[in-house]
Amino acid sequence: MNLTTLEEIQEWAESNLINRKQASKVAGLNYEGFSSAIKRKHIKPFIEIGDEKGPSTTRLYLKSDVESYAKKVKPRKKSAN
């Protein structure tokens, strides 16, 4: 990956970074389930923007990380039913 222009960086970010709502949907989890995965450090933000913890901090997740986690969780969900 060789990103040299702002346009290339923006295109990469739009294709690879997702917010919490999008990440929750990709992972197939509700709000509480996604919060639990974050607390257990199964899913970590790729980037956090803001100088205070809490809702004023913007967190973006790497889409491929969330997709990988979803694949791991899916078999456990099926076996639990």
N, C-alpha and C. Protein backbone atom coordinates (compact mmCIF):
# COMPACT_ATOMS: atom_id res chain seq x y z
N MET A 1 0.85 -1.17 0.00
CA MET A 1 0.00 0.00 0.00
C MET A 1 0.90 1.23 0.00
N ASN A 2 0.76 2.01 -1.03
CA ASN A 2 1.56 3.22 -1.16
C ASN A 2 0.62 4.39 -1.43
N LEU A 3 0.24 5.07 -0.36
CA LEU A 3 -0.67 6.21 -0.48
C LEU A 3 0.16 7.48 -0.50
N THR A 4 0.07 8.21 -1.59
CA THR A 4 0.92 9.39 -1.72
C THR A 4 0.16 10.71 -1.80
N THR A 5 -1.12 10.66 -2.12
CA THR A 5 -1.88 11.91 -2.21
C THR A 5 -3.01 11.90 -1.19
N LEU A 6 -3.50 13.06 -0.86
CA LEU A 6 -4.63 13.15 0.06
C LEU A 6 -5.85 12.41 -0.49
N GLU A 7 -6.04 12.46 -1.79
CA GLU A 7 -7.17 11.77 -2.41
C GLU A 7 -7.05 10.25 -2.21
N GLU A 8 -5.84 9.72 -2.35
CA GLU A 8 -5.63 8.27 -2.14
C GLU A 8 -5.87 7.88 -0.69
N ILE A 9 -5.42 8.72 0.21
CA ILE A 9 -5.63 8.45 1.64
C ILE A 9 -7.12 8.50 1.96
N GLN A 10 -7.82 9.48 1.43
CA GLN A 10 -9.25 9.61 1.68
C GLN A 10 -10.00 8.41 1.10
N GLU A 11 -9.65 7.99 -0.09
CA GLU A 11 -10.29 6.83 -0.72
C GLU A 11 -10.05 5.58 0.12
N TRP A 12 -8.83 5.40 0.59
CA TRP A 12 -8.51 4.24 1.43
C TRP A 12 -9.34 4.28 2.71
N ALA A 13 -9.40 5.45 3.36
CA ALA A 13 -10.14 5.59 4.61
C ALA A 13 -11.62 5.29 4.41
N GLU A 14 -12.21 5.81 3.34
CA GLU A 14 -13.63 5.58 3.08
C GLU A 14 -13.92 4.11 2.80
N SER A 15 -12.97 3.38 2.26
CA SER A 15 -13.16 1.97 1.93
C SER A 15 -12.85 1.04 3.10
N ASN A 16 -12.03 1.49 4.05
CA ASN A 16 -11.52 0.58 5.07
C ASN A 16 -11.86 0.93 6.51
N LEU A 17 -12.33 2.13 6.77
CA LEU A 17 -12.65 2.54 8.13
C LEU A 17 -14.16 2.69 8.29
N ILE A 18 -14.67 2.20 9.42
CA ILE A 18 -16.11 2.27 9.69
C ILE A 18 -16.34 2.75 11.12
N ASN A 19 -17.49 3.38 11.33
CA ASN A 19 -17.82 3.86 12.66
C ASN A 19 -18.46 2.74 13.48
N ARG A 20 -18.80 3.04 14.71
CA ARG A 20 -19.32 2.03 15.63
C ARG A 20 -20.61 1.39 15.12
N LYS A 21 -21.52 2.20 14.62
CA LYS A 21 -22.80 1.67 14.13
C LYS A 21 -22.56 0.71 12.96
N GLN A 22 -21.71 1.11 12.03
CA GLN A 22 -21.40 0.26 10.88
C GLN A 22 -20.69 -1.01 11.34
N ALA A 23 -19.74 -0.87 12.28
CA ALA A 23 -18.98 -2.02 12.77
C ALA A 23 -19.90 -3.01 13.48
N SER A 24 -20.83 -2.51 14.25
CA SER A 24 -21.78 -3.37 14.94
C SER A 24 -22.60 -4.18 13.95
N LYS A 25 -23.02 -3.54 12.88
CA LYS A 25 -23.79 -4.22 11.83
C LYS A 25 -22.94 -5.28 11.13
N VAL A 26 -21.70 -4.93 10.78
CA VAL A 26 -20.80 -5.88 10.11
C VAL A 26 -20.56 -7.10 11.00
N ALA A 27 -20.41 -6.86 12.30
CA ALA A 27 -20.14 -7.95 13.25
C ALA A 27 -21.40 -8.75 13.57
N GLY A 28 -22.57 -8.22 13.22
CA GLY A 28 -23.81 -8.90 13.53
C GLY A 28 -24.16 -8.85 15.00
N LEU A 29 -23.77 -7.76 15.66
CA LEU A 29 -23.99 -7.61 17.10
C LEU A 29 -24.88 -6.41 17.38
N ASN A 30 -25.64 -6.49 18.46
CA ASN A 30 -26.39 -5.33 18.89
C ASN A 30 -25.45 -4.41 19.67
N TYR A 31 -25.96 -3.29 20.15
CA TYR A 31 -25.12 -2.30 20.83
C TYR A 31 -24.40 -2.90 22.03
N GLU A 32 -25.14 -3.66 22.84
CA GLU A 32 -24.56 -4.26 24.04
C GLU A 32 -23.50 -5.30 23.69
N GLY A 33 -23.77 -6.10 22.68
CA GLY A 33 -22.81 -7.12 22.25
C GLY A 33 -21.53 -6.50 21.73
N PHE A 34 -21.67 -5.43 20.97
CA PHE A 34 -20.49 -4.74 20.44
C PHE A 34 -19.71 -4.09 21.58
N SER A 35 -20.42 -3.50 22.54
CA SER A 35 -19.76 -2.90 23.70
C SER A 35 -18.97 -3.95 24.47
N SER A 36 -19.55 -5.12 24.61
CA SER A 36 -18.87 -6.22 25.30
C SER A 36 -17.60 -6.64 24.56
N ALA A 37 -17.68 -6.73 23.25
CA ALA A 37 -16.50 -7.10 22.45
C ALA A 37 -15.39 -6.06 22.59
N ILE A 38 -15.77 -4.80 22.70
CA ILE A 38 -14.78 -3.73 22.88
C ILE A 38 -14.15 -3.85 24.27
N LYS A 39 -14.98 -4.02 25.29
CA LYS A 39 -14.47 -4.11 26.67
C LYS A 39 -13.53 -5.30 26.83
N ARG A 40 -13.82 -6.39 26.14
CA ARG A 40 -12.97 -7.59 26.22
C ARG A 40 -11.77 -7.51 25.28
N LYS A 41 -11.67 -6.39 24.59
CA LYS A 41 -10.57 -6.13 23.65
C LYS A 41 -10.52 -7.12 22.48
N HIS A 42 -11.69 -7.65 22.11
CA HIS A 42 -11.80 -8.48 20.91
C HIS A 42 -11.80 -7.58 19.67
N ILE A 43 -12.33 -6.39 19.85
CA ILE A 43 -12.36 -5.38 18.79
C ILE A 43 -11.74 -4.12 19.36
N LYS A 44 -10.77 -3.57 18.64
CA LYS A 44 -10.10 -2.35 19.09
C LYS A 44 -10.23 -1.28 18.01
N PRO A 45 -10.41 -0.03 18.42
CA PRO A 45 -10.45 1.04 17.43
C PRO A 45 -9.13 1.12 16.66
N PHE A 46 -9.22 1.37 15.38
CA PHE A 46 -8.03 1.58 14.56
C PHE A 46 -7.46 2.96 14.86
N ILE A 47 -8.38 3.90 15.10
CA ILE A 47 -7.97 5.27 15.41
C ILE A 47 -8.99 5.90 16.36
N GLU A 48 -8.48 6.68 17.30
CA GLU A 48 -9.32 7.44 18.22
C GLU A 48 -8.93 8.91 18.07
N ILE A 49 -9.92 9.74 17.81
CA ILE A 49 -9.67 11.17 17.62
C ILE A 49 -10.42 11.92 18.71
N GLY A 50 -9.70 12.65 19.50
CA GLY A 50 -10.28 13.41 20.59
C GLY A 50 -9.37 13.31 21.80
N ASP A 51 -9.41 14.31 22.64
CA ASP A 51 -8.50 14.31 23.77
C ASP A 51 -9.19 13.95 25.09
N GLU A 52 -10.46 13.58 25.03
CA GLU A 52 -11.17 13.15 26.23
C GLU A 52 -11.84 11.82 25.95
N LYS A 53 -11.91 10.98 26.97
CA LYS A 53 -12.63 9.71 26.82
C LYS A 53 -14.13 9.99 26.82
N GLY A 54 -14.88 9.09 26.23
CA GLY A 54 -16.33 9.25 26.22
C GLY A 54 -16.86 9.60 24.85
N PRO A 55 -18.09 10.09 24.81
CA PRO A 55 -18.76 10.34 23.53
C PRO A 55 -18.11 11.42 22.67
N SER A 56 -17.27 12.26 23.27
CA SER A 56 -16.62 13.31 22.46
C SER A 56 -15.45 12.75 21.65
N THR A 57 -15.06 11.51 21.89
CA THR A 57 -13.98 10.88 21.14
C THR A 57 -14.57 10.11 19.96
N THR A 58 -14.03 10.35 18.78
CA THR A 58 -14.45 9.62 17.59
C THR A 58 -13.57 8.40 17.44
N ARG A 59 -14.20 7.23 17.30
CA ARG A 59 -13.46 5.99 17.12
C ARG A 59 -13.85 5.37 15.78
N LEU A 60 -12.84 5.00 15.03
CA LEU A 60 -13.07 4.32 13.76
C LEU A 60 -12.41 2.96 13.82
N TYR A 61 -13.07 1.98 13.23
CA TYR A 61 -12.62 0.60 13.27
C TYR A 61 -12.21 0.15 11.89
N LEU A 62 -11.18 -0.68 11.83
CA LEU A 62 -10.73 -1.23 10.57
C LEU A 62 -11.73 -2.30 10.14
N LYS A 63 -12.34 -2.11 9.00
CA LYS A 63 -13.39 -3.01 8.52
C LYS A 63 -12.92 -4.46 8.49
N SER A 64 -11.71 -4.72 8.04
CA SER A 64 -11.21 -6.09 7.96
C SER A 64 -11.07 -6.72 9.34
N ASP A 65 -10.72 -5.94 10.38
CA ASP A 65 -10.65 -6.46 11.74
C ASP A 65 -12.03 -6.90 12.22
N VAL A 66 -13.04 -6.07 11.95
CA VAL A 66 -14.40 -6.38 12.38
C VAL A 66 -14.93 -7.60 11.62
N GLU A 67 -14.63 -7.69 10.32
CA GLU A 67 -15.05 -8.85 9.53
C GLU A 67 -14.40 -10.12 10.05
N SER A 68 -13.14 -10.07 10.42
CA SER A 68 -12.44 -11.23 10.98
C SER A 68 -13.08 -11.65 12.30
N TYR A 69 -13.39 -10.68 13.15
CA TYR A 69 -14.04 -10.99 14.42
C TYR A 69 -15.41 -11.62 14.18
N ALA A 70 -16.15 -11.10 13.22
CA ALA A 70 -17.48 -11.63 12.92
C ALA A 70 -17.40 -13.09 12.50
N LYS A 71 -16.38 -13.46 11.74
CA LYS A 71 -16.21 -14.86 11.32
C LYS A 71 -15.92 -15.76 12.50
N LYS A 72 -15.19 -15.26 13.49
CA LYS A 72 -14.89 -16.05 14.69
C LYS A 72 -16.13 -16.22 15.56
N VAL A 73 -16.95 -15.18 15.63
CA VAL A 73 -18.13 -15.20 16.50
C VAL A 73 -19.26 -16.02 15.90
N LYS A 74 -19.39 -16.00 14.59
CA LYS A 74 -20.50 -16.68 13.92
C LYS A 74 -20.61 -18.16 14.29
N PRO A 75 -19.52 -18.94 14.27
CA PRO A 75 -19.64 -20.35 14.66
C PRO A 75 -20.10 -20.53 16.10
N ARG A 76 -19.67 -19.65 17.01
CA ARG A 76 -20.10 -19.75 18.40
C ARG A 76 -21.59 -19.44 18.54
N LYS A 77 -22.09 -18.47 17.76
CA LYS A 77 -23.51 -18.15 17.82
C LYS A 77 -24.35 -19.35 17.39
N LYS A 78 -23.93 -20.03 16.32
CA LYS A 78 -24.67 -21.18 15.82
C LYS A 78 -24.66 -22.32 16.84
N SER A 79 -23.52 -22.56 17.48
CA SER A 79 -23.43 -23.66 18.44
C SER A 79 -24.20 -23.36 19.72
N ALA A 80 -24.44 -22.09 20.01
CA ALA A 80 -25.19 -21.71 21.20
C ALA A 80 -26.69 -21.94 21.02
N ASN A 81 -27.17 -22.03 19.78
CA ASN A 81 -28.61 -22.20 19.52
C ASN A 81 -29.01 -23.64 19.57
